[in-house]
Protein backbone atom coordinates (compact mmCIF):
# COMPACT_ATOMS: atom_id res chain seq x y z
CA UNK A 1 5.72 9.76 -2.31
CA UNK A 2 5.72 13.52 -1.65
CA UNK A 3 2.40 14.94 -0.49
CA UNK A 4 1.63 18.66 -0.30
CA UNK A 5 -1.32 19.23 2.04
CA UNK A 6 -3.18 22.50 1.58
CA UNK A 7 -5.29 23.62 4.54
CA UNK A 8 -7.88 26.35 4.03
CA UNK A 9 -10.07 28.18 6.56
CA UNK A 10 -12.77 26.28 8.43
CA UNK A 11 -13.39 24.57 11.74
CA UNK A 12 -12.53 21.24 10.04
CA UNK A 13 -8.90 22.38 9.73
CA UNK A 14 -8.11 20.47 12.91
CA UNK A 15 -8.82 17.19 11.09
CA UNK A 16 -5.95 17.90 8.72
CA UNK A 17 -3.59 17.21 11.64
CA UNK A 18 -4.67 13.57 11.71
CA UNK A 19 -4.39 13.39 7.92
CA UNK A 20 -0.80 14.61 8.05
CA UNK A 21 -0.03 12.14 10.83
CA UNK A 22 -1.38 9.24 8.76
CA UNK A 23 0.68 10.28 5.74
CA UNK A 24 3.88 10.58 7.75
CA UNK A 25 3.23 7.21 9.39
CA UNK A 26 2.86 5.66 5.92
CA UNK A 27 6.35 6.88 5.02
CA UNK A 28 5.29 9.77 2.78
CA UNK A 29 7.17 13.05 2.76
CA UNK A 30 4.73 15.80 3.72
CA UNK A 31 4.77 19.59 3.52
CA UNK A 32 1.87 21.79 4.57
CA UNK A 33 0.59 25.05 3.08
CA UNK A 34 -1.95 27.05 5.10
CA UNK A 35 -4.16 29.92 4.06
CA UNK A 36 -4.59 32.96 6.31
CA UNK A 37 -8.06 31.71 7.15
CA UNK A 38 -6.74 28.32 8.23
CA UNK A 39 -4.36 29.96 10.72
CA UNK A 40 -7.37 31.44 12.48
CA UNK A 41 -8.41 27.92 13.48
CA UNK A 42 -5.12 26.10 14.10
CA UNK A 43 -1.50 27.05 14.67
CA UNK A 44 1.14 26.20 12.01
CA UNK A 45 3.45 24.82 14.71
CA UNK A 46 1.13 21.84 15.15
CA UNK A 47 1.65 20.77 11.54
CA UNK A 48 5.38 21.47 11.74
CA UNK A 49 5.68 19.13 14.71
CA UNK A 50 4.00 16.34 12.76
CA UNK A 51 5.67 16.63 9.36
CA UNK A 52 9.07 17.99 10.38
CA UNK A 53 8.92 20.90 7.91
CA UNK A 54 8.17 24.56 8.47
CA UNK A 55 4.65 25.36 7.32
CA UNK A 56 4.43 27.51 4.19
CA UNK A 57 1.83 30.24 4.55
CA UNK A 58 2.89 33.29 2.53
CA UNK A 59 3.48 34.00 -1.12
CA UNK A 60 5.79 36.91 -0.23
CA UNK A 61 7.94 35.45 2.56
CA UNK A 62 11.54 36.15 1.47
CA UNK A 63 12.98 33.69 3.99
CA UNK A 64 10.80 30.84 2.75
CA UNK A 65 11.36 31.74 -0.89
CA UNK A 66 15.11 31.57 -0.33
CA UNK A 67 14.78 28.03 1.02
CA UNK A 68 12.30 26.68 -1.52
CA UNK A 69 10.45 29.01 -3.82
CA UNK A 70 6.77 28.46 -4.45
CA UNK A 71 7.44 27.19 -7.97
CA UNK A 72 9.95 24.66 -6.66
CA UNK A 73 7.44 23.59 -4.02
CA UNK A 74 4.85 22.98 -6.73
CA UNK A 75 7.38 20.81 -8.59
CA UNK A 76 8.42 19.02 -5.39
CA UNK A 77 5.03 17.44 -4.77
CA UNK A 78 3.86 14.19 -6.32
CA UNK A 79 0.33 14.93 -5.14
CA UNK A 80 -1.50 18.00 -3.83
CA UNK A 81 -4.33 17.46 -1.35
CA UNK A 82 -6.55 20.33 -0.19
CA UNK A 83 -8.33 19.40 3.05
CA UNK A 84 -10.43 21.15 4.05
CA UNK A 85 -11.31 23.00 0.84
CA UNK A 86 -13.54 25.92 1.81
CA UNK A 87 -16.17 27.47 -0.45
CA UNK A 88 -13.91 30.50 -0.85
CA UNK A 89 -10.85 28.55 -1.93
CA UNK A 90 -12.91 26.44 -4.36
CA UNK A 91 -14.23 29.62 -5.98
CA UNK A 92 -10.74 31.07 -6.31
CA UNK A 93 -9.30 27.83 -7.67
CA UNK A 94 -12.10 27.54 -10.22
CA UNK A 95 -11.35 31.11 -11.38
CA UNK A 96 -7.65 30.33 -11.74
CA UNK A 97 -6.65 32.98 -9.25
CA UNK A 98 -3.16 33.14 -7.75
CA UNK A 99 -3.65 35.56 -4.87
CA UNK A 100 -2.16 33.42 -2.11
CA UNK A 101 0.39 30.61 -1.87
CA UNK A 102 -2.09 27.72 -2.09
CA UNK A 103 -3.89 28.95 -5.21
CA UNK A 104 -0.57 29.87 -6.83
CA UNK A 105 0.83 26.39 -6.24
CA UNK A 106 -2.26 24.78 -7.75
CA UNK A 107 -1.98 26.99 -10.81
CA UNK A 108 1.75 26.28 -11.18
CA UNK A 109 1.65 22.50 -10.98
CA UNK A 110 0.97 19.60 -13.31
CA UNK A 111 0.62 17.13 -10.44
CA UNK A 112 -2.66 15.42 -9.50
CA UNK A 113 -4.87 17.48 -7.18
CA UNK A 114 -7.37 16.05 -4.71
CA UNK A 115 -9.73 18.30 -2.78
CA UNK A 116 -12.04 17.57 0.14
CA UNK A 117 -14.73 20.26 0.57
CA UNK A 118 -15.96 21.29 4.01
CA UNK A 119 -18.54 24.01 4.69
CA UNK A 120 -22.06 24.75 5.90
CA UNK A 121 -24.72 22.57 4.30
CA UNK A 122 -26.39 25.51 2.48
CA UNK A 123 -23.05 26.76 1.18
CA UNK A 124 -22.34 23.26 -0.12
CA UNK A 125 -25.75 23.00 -1.77
CA UNK A 126 -25.48 26.45 -3.36
CA UNK A 127 -25.43 26.37 -7.16
CA UNK A 128 -22.27 28.48 -7.27
CA UNK A 129 -20.35 25.97 -5.15
CA UNK A 130 -21.64 23.03 -7.16
CA UNK A 131 -20.64 24.79 -10.41
CA UNK A 132 -17.16 25.40 -9.01
CA UNK A 133 -16.75 21.77 -7.99
CA UNK A 134 -17.96 20.53 -11.37
CA UNK A 135 -15.55 22.84 -13.18
CA UNK A 136 -12.59 21.59 -11.15
CA UNK A 137 -13.57 17.98 -11.79
CA UNK A 138 -13.65 18.60 -15.54
CA UNK A 139 -10.00 19.63 -15.21
CA UNK A 140 -9.15 16.22 -13.80
CA UNK A 141 -9.16 17.15 -10.13
CA UNK A 142 -10.52 14.50 -7.78
CA UNK A 143 -13.19 15.51 -5.29
CA UNK A 144 -13.71 13.60 -2.04
CA UNK A 145 -17.42 13.80 -1.27
CA UNK A 146 -18.20 15.62 1.99
CA UNK A 147 -19.95 13.66 4.69
CA UNK A 148 -23.37 14.32 6.17
CA UNK A 149 -24.11 14.91 9.81
CA UNK A 150 -24.20 17.52 12.56
CA UNK A 151 -22.13 20.58 11.74
CA UNK A 152 -20.27 23.06 13.96
CA UNK A 153 -22.99 25.64 13.32
CA UNK A 154 -25.57 23.27 14.80
CA UNK A 155 -27.26 22.43 11.50
CA UNK A 156 -27.43 18.94 10.06
CA UNK A 157 -26.70 17.99 6.46
CA UNK A 158 -24.02 17.41 3.85
CA UNK A 159 -20.86 19.48 4.06
CA UNK A 160 -18.76 17.92 6.81
CA UNK A 161 -15.15 17.17 5.90
CA UNK A 162 -14.63 13.50 5.07
CA UNK A 163 -12.85 11.60 7.83
CA UNK A 164 -9.02 11.69 7.70
CA UNK A 165 -8.88 7.92 7.16
CA UNK A 166 -11.12 8.28 4.09
CA UNK A 167 -8.94 11.05 2.64
CA UNK A 168 -5.78 9.08 3.43
CA UNK A 169 -7.12 6.04 1.57
CA UNK A 170 -7.58 8.23 -1.52
CA UNK A 171 -4.00 9.45 -1.13
CA UNK A 172 -2.83 5.84 -0.90
CA UNK A 173 -4.73 5.01 -4.09
CA UNK A 174 -3.11 7.95 -5.85
CA UNK A 175 0.31 6.76 -4.67
CA UNK A 176 -0.40 3.34 -6.10
CA UNK A 177 -1.34 4.91 -9.42
CA UNK A 178 2.08 6.52 -9.85
CA UNK A 179 3.00 5.43 -13.33
CA UNK A 180 6.06 3.31 -14.00
CA UNK A 181 7.29 6.02 -16.36
CA UNK A 182 7.12 8.64 -13.59
CA UNK A 183 9.01 6.35 -11.23
CA UNK A 184 11.77 5.73 -13.77
CA UNK A 185 12.04 9.38 -14.78
CA UNK A 186 12.78 10.35 -11.19
CA UNK A 187 15.25 7.49 -10.60
CA UNK A 188 12.70 5.51 -8.68
CA UNK A 189 11.60 7.70 -5.76
CA UNK A 190 10.49 5.31 -3.05
CA UNK A 191 12.80 2.65 -4.45
CA UNK A 192 16.41 2.42 -3.39
CA UNK A 193 18.87 1.98 -6.23
CA UNK A 194 19.10 2.93 -9.87
CA UNK A 195 17.03 0.11 -11.37
CA UNK A 196 14.17 0.92 -13.71
CA UNK A 197 10.87 -0.88 -14.19
CA UNK A 198 9.73 -1.94 -17.66
CA UNK A 199 6.90 0.24 -18.95
CA UNK A 200 5.15 -2.33 -21.15
CA UNK A 201 3.64 -4.27 -18.24
CA UNK A 202 0.32 -5.07 -19.89
CA UNK A 203 1.68 -6.58 -23.09
CA UNK A 204 4.28 -8.68 -21.29
CA UNK A 205 2.02 -10.19 -18.65
CA UNK A 206 -0.98 -10.85 -20.89
CA UNK A 207 0.23 -14.31 -21.91
CA UNK A 208 1.67 -15.31 -18.51
CA UNK A 209 0.19 -17.52 -15.80
CA UNK A 210 1.01 -17.06 -12.12
CA UNK A 211 0.56 -19.37 -9.16
CA UNK A 212 0.43 -17.49 -5.85
CA UNK A 213 0.11 -18.85 -2.32
CA UNK A 214 -1.18 -16.54 0.40
CA UNK A 215 -2.21 -16.38 4.03
CA UNK A 216 -1.45 -18.71 6.94
CA UNK A 217 -2.00 -22.42 7.29
CA UNK A 218 -3.82 -23.82 10.32
CA UNK A 219 -2.56 -27.09 11.74
CA UNK A 220 -5.29 -28.76 13.78
CA UNK A 221 -4.53 -30.23 17.21
CA UNK A 222 -8.03 -31.55 17.84
CA UNK A 223 -11.55 -30.72 16.60
CA UNK A 224 -11.40 -27.39 18.51
CA UNK A 225 -7.81 -26.08 18.55
CA UNK A 226 -5.14 -25.38 15.99
CA UNK A 227 -1.65 -23.91 15.58
CA UNK A 228 -1.54 -20.90 13.29
CA UNK A 229 0.15 -17.56 12.68
CA UNK A 230 -0.79 -13.90 12.18
CA UNK A 231 -0.54 -13.75 8.40
CA UNK A 232 -3.51 -11.82 6.99
CA UNK A 233 -2.94 -12.88 3.37
CA UNK A 234 -3.01 -9.23 2.23
CA UNK A 235 0.40 -9.35 0.51
CA UNK A 236 -0.40 -12.42 -1.55
CA UNK A 237 -3.86 -11.10 -2.45
CA UNK A 238 -2.34 -7.75 -3.48
CA UNK A 239 0.07 -9.56 -5.81
CA UNK A 240 -2.77 -11.62 -7.26
CA UNK A 241 -4.91 -8.53 -7.85
CA UNK A 242 -2.05 -6.57 -9.45
CA UNK A 243 -1.14 -9.47 -11.74
CA UNK A 244 -4.76 -9.95 -12.84
CA UNK A 245 -5.05 -6.23 -13.61
CA UNK A 246 -2.02 -6.61 -15.90
CA UNK A 247 -3.84 -9.33 -17.82
CA UNK A 248 -2.08 -12.37 -16.39
CA UNK A 249 -3.94 -15.57 -15.60
CA UNK A 250 -3.73 -16.02 -11.84
CA UNK A 251 -4.31 -19.06 -9.63
CA UNK A 252 -4.41 -18.08 -5.94
CA UNK A 253 -4.10 -20.80 -3.29
CA UNK A 254 -5.15 -19.27 0.00
CA UNK A 255 -5.07 -20.39 3.59
CA UNK A 256 -7.83 -19.29 6.00
CA UNK A 257 -8.26 -15.53 5.51
CA UNK A 258 -11.13 -13.05 5.50
CA UNK A 259 -10.45 -11.38 2.16
CA UNK A 260 -12.53 -11.09 -1.03
CA UNK A 261 -11.28 -12.81 -4.17
CA UNK A 262 -9.66 -10.27 -6.54
CA UNK A 263 -11.51 -9.90 -9.87
CA UNK A 264 -10.35 -12.31 -12.55
CA UNK A 265 -8.48 -14.58 -10.11
CA UNK A 266 -9.05 -18.32 -9.70
CA UNK A 267 -9.06 -19.00 -5.96
CA UNK A 268 -8.50 -22.31 -4.19
CA UNK A 269 -9.10 -22.34 -0.43
CA UNK A 270 -7.11 -24.67 1.81
CA UNK A 271 -6.56 -24.97 5.55
CA UNK A 272 -3.40 -26.94 6.27
CA UNK A 273 0.11 -27.09 4.83
CA UNK A 274 -0.56 -30.56 3.42
CA UNK A 275 -3.66 -29.29 1.62
CA UNK A 276 -1.72 -26.34 0.22
CA UNK A 277 1.05 -28.69 -0.93
CA UNK A 278 -1.42 -30.88 -2.81
CA UNK A 279 -2.93 -27.87 -4.56
CA UNK A 280 0.50 -26.52 -5.53
CA UNK A 281 1.53 -29.89 -6.97
CA UNK A 282 -1.59 -29.79 -9.12
CA UNK A 283 -0.80 -26.40 -10.69
CA UNK A 284 2.93 -25.61 -10.54
CA UNK A 285 3.82 -27.15 -13.92
CA UNK A 286 1.17 -25.07 -15.70
CA UNK A 287 2.51 -21.64 -14.76
CA UNK A 288 5.33 -19.28 -15.71
CA UNK A 289 5.90 -17.81 -12.26
CA UNK A 290 5.17 -19.08 -8.76
CA UNK A 291 5.17 -16.63 -5.85
CA UNK A 292 5.06 -18.26 -2.43
CA UNK A 293 3.73 -15.47 -0.21
CA UNK A 294 1.95 -17.83 2.20
CA UNK A 295 3.23 -18.16 5.76
CA UNK A 296 3.17 -21.95 5.77
CA UNK A 297 3.44 -23.59 9.20
CA UNK A 298 6.75 -25.41 9.62
CA UNK A 299 5.24 -28.11 11.85
CA UNK A 300 2.01 -30.03 12.38
CA UNK A 301 0.82 -32.40 15.09
CA UNK A 302 2.20 -35.91 14.64
CA UNK A 303 -1.19 -37.43 15.45
CA UNK A 304 -4.42 -35.46 15.38
CA UNK A 305 -6.60 -35.97 18.46
CA UNK A 306 -10.04 -37.23 17.50
CA UNK A 307 -11.66 -35.51 20.49
CA UNK A 308 -11.02 -32.22 22.30
CA UNK A 309 -7.88 -32.46 24.40
CA UNK A 310 -9.00 -31.96 28.01
CA UNK A 311 -7.06 -30.18 30.71
CA UNK A 312 -6.14 -32.55 33.52
CA UNK A 313 -6.08 -31.23 37.09
CA UNK A 314 -2.93 -33.15 37.93
CA UNK A 315 -1.03 -31.84 34.89
CA UNK A 316 0.92 -28.57 34.94
CA UNK A 317 1.50 -28.58 31.18
CA UNK A 318 0.87 -30.33 27.89
CA UNK A 319 3.44 -31.89 25.58
CA UNK A 320 2.70 -32.08 21.87
CA UNK A 321 4.74 -34.06 19.38
CA UNK A 322 5.18 -32.09 16.17
CA UNK A 323 6.55 -33.21 12.82
CA UNK A 324 7.83 -31.12 9.94
CA UNK A 325 5.51 -30.03 7.17
CA UNK A 326 6.69 -30.37 3.58
CA UNK A 327 8.81 -27.52 2.19
CA UNK A 328 6.39 -26.43 -0.52
CA UNK A 329 8.44 -23.69 -2.19
CA UNK A 330 11.64 -25.73 -1.92
CA UNK A 331 9.93 -28.73 -3.54
CA UNK A 332 8.76 -26.65 -6.50
CA UNK A 333 12.23 -25.12 -6.95
CA UNK A 334 13.73 -28.61 -7.12
CA UNK A 335 11.49 -29.83 -9.95
CA UNK A 336 12.91 -30.18 -13.46
CA UNK A 337 9.83 -28.49 -14.93
CA UNK A 338 9.70 -25.73 -12.37
CA UNK A 339 8.51 -22.18 -13.17
CA UNK A 340 10.37 -19.04 -12.04
CA UNK A 341 10.12 -19.38 -8.25
CA UNK A 342 9.83 -16.44 -5.83
CA UNK A 343 9.78 -17.01 -2.10
CA UNK A 344 9.21 -14.84 0.97
CA UNK A 345 11.27 -14.62 4.16
CA UNK A 346 9.25 -13.01 6.95
CA UNK A 347 11.72 -12.34 9.77
CA UNK A 348 11.89 -10.34 12.99
CA UNK A 349 15.71 -10.17 13.13
CA UNK A 350 18.75 -10.60 10.85
CA UNK A 351 16.33 -10.25 7.96
CA UNK A 352 18.84 -10.03 5.10
CA UNK A 353 21.08 -12.82 6.39
CA UNK A 354 18.20 -15.23 6.90
CA UNK A 355 16.63 -14.34 3.54
CA UNK A 356 19.86 -14.88 1.59
CA UNK A 357 20.44 -18.20 3.34
CA UNK A 358 16.90 -19.28 2.46
CA UNK A 359 17.40 -18.24 -1.17
CA UNK A 360 20.46 -20.49 -1.45
CA UNK A 361 19.15 -23.38 0.66
CA UNK A 362 15.92 -23.75 -1.26
CA UNK A 363 17.35 -22.99 -4.72
CA UNK A 364 14.92 -20.13 -5.36
CA UNK A 365 15.19 -17.68 -8.24
CA UNK A 366 14.22 -14.73 -6.03
CA UNK A 367 13.28 -14.06 -2.44
CA UNK A 368 11.45 -11.16 -0.84
CA UNK A 369 13.00 -10.27 2.51
CA UNK A 370 10.15 -9.16 4.71
CA UNK A 371 10.66 -7.40 8.06
CA UNK A 372 7.60 -8.06 10.20
CA UNK A 373 6.58 -5.98 13.20
CA UNK A 374 6.69 -2.23 13.85
CA UNK A 375 3.71 -1.52 11.60
CA UNK A 376 4.90 -3.63 8.65
CA UNK A 377 4.23 -7.16 7.44
CA UNK A 378 1.61 -9.14 9.34
CA UNK A 379 -1.77 -7.59 10.20
CA UNK A 380 -1.09 -4.33 8.33
CA UNK A 381 -1.80 -2.74 4.94
CA UNK A 382 1.83 -1.66 4.49
CA UNK A 383 5.08 -3.44 3.79
CA UNK A 384 8.72 -2.83 2.90
CA UNK A 385 10.23 -5.70 0.92
CA UNK A 386 13.80 -6.17 -0.24
CA UNK A 387 13.92 -8.12 -3.52
CA UNK A 388 16.93 -10.43 -3.74
CA UNK A 389 18.24 -12.62 -6.57
CA UNK A 390 21.60 -14.31 -6.97
CA UNK A 391 23.20 -11.07 -8.15
CA UNK A 392 20.80 -8.23 -7.28
CA UNK A 393 19.28 -6.55 -4.24
CA UNK A 394 16.49 -4.01 -4.54
CA UNK A 395 15.07 -2.52 -1.32
CA UNK A 396 11.59 -1.03 -1.58
CA UNK A 397 10.57 1.92 0.55
CA UNK A 398 7.59 1.42 2.90
CA UNK A 399 4.31 1.68 1.00
CA UNK A 400 0.99 -0.06 0.63
CA UNK A 401 1.07 -3.75 -0.16
CA UNK A 402 -0.66 -2.92 -3.45
CA UNK A 403 2.29 -0.73 -4.45
CA UNK A 404 4.79 -3.31 -3.22
CA UNK A 405 3.06 -5.90 -5.39
CA UNK A 406 3.32 -3.71 -8.49
CA UNK A 407 7.02 -3.05 -7.91
CA UNK A 408 7.61 -6.76 -7.32
CA UNK A 409 5.92 -7.72 -10.60
CA UNK A 410 7.92 -5.05 -12.42
CA UNK A 411 11.15 -6.44 -10.98
CA UNK A 412 10.22 -9.99 -11.98
CA UNK A 413 9.46 -8.82 -15.50
CA UNK A 414 12.74 -6.94 -15.74
CA UNK A 415 14.70 -9.94 -14.46
CA UNK A 416 13.06 -12.40 -16.84
CA UNK A 417 13.44 -10.09 -19.82
CA UNK A 418 17.13 -9.64 -19.04
CA UNK A 419 17.59 -13.41 -18.70
CA UNK A 420 15.83 -14.02 -22.03
CA UNK A 421 17.96 -11.39 -23.78
CA UNK A 422 21.16 -13.06 -22.57
């Protein structure tokens, strides 16, 4: 994902630094274009330090044009974000002017454009500004509503720049909307390798049923305590949501998580590995694909204490006898009437080696190698899977779990279509 951030003049320009930082942290490539007004509020070097690219600020800089001309820069971007968008720059954009680098780029691109206005409350409320915003929206540009509150001038009202996290979430949504056709046409930017994703997602998935497990399992020790893990369930829920949007029938078996049920998804809540196993046995034979994204506990207490286990003064420690939980995904893969089975391998080291061994040991059709830690995997909104079958490996670049889910479903579709054709 290549993001071009345009910064126009206004005290809110300093917030664009945090926006750039968030984009870089998410793995996006970022370049910054500043207007002359913006440079009155913040130095270009600050953005350069964050994004690793020299800031573009002039339409007539021969040195910059030699490196990447303004037309090439307009083509480079997947998305253009203007934050803050001043009243002046909105007026010039609405008029189709090309009198500085930022307005020229916007006129010379066919990429999506998002703009976040920031200005005095009366300037924002002025009919001219509202007409300019409306005109840009009719052209398909997306406006991020300014916030209300105390402004730098001391007045209070609407016109404050939306918070960087809010703008970043819109950028993430735009990244997730990148069409499959666009990804294939550019040899899968963000994906490593020369694979392509089928474009007829909707038609293919509309008659398919998926069974997805998600989240942790909690293994009780007594009425108060349990053994668990840090799985948030976000990856499994993202897959369920993406599959439902494609028209598939989705059954989601979830451990204890604090997530809303995706629209159109049948959800079954469980707590322990044994409960999840019973639910899977009930549904596995009715589906086309099973994706085991849950982080199922490997062990449970051999004998559950009926009362709270008390600390004894004379004891320095506590010994617990644990027994293995059933191998849910392995059991499904071993059934004669099994669906296409996809597992997950969440590892902190030797990720590929452990994932490939798990693929073979459990007899899975596919496994998603999942590095956890360092801002990916558990407790985060981002991930970076490597999809592995018996004869293919497809690493995915870091992105939102929503985007990872869409790429995963595309890869499953491609694999099953190829198998059917052979």
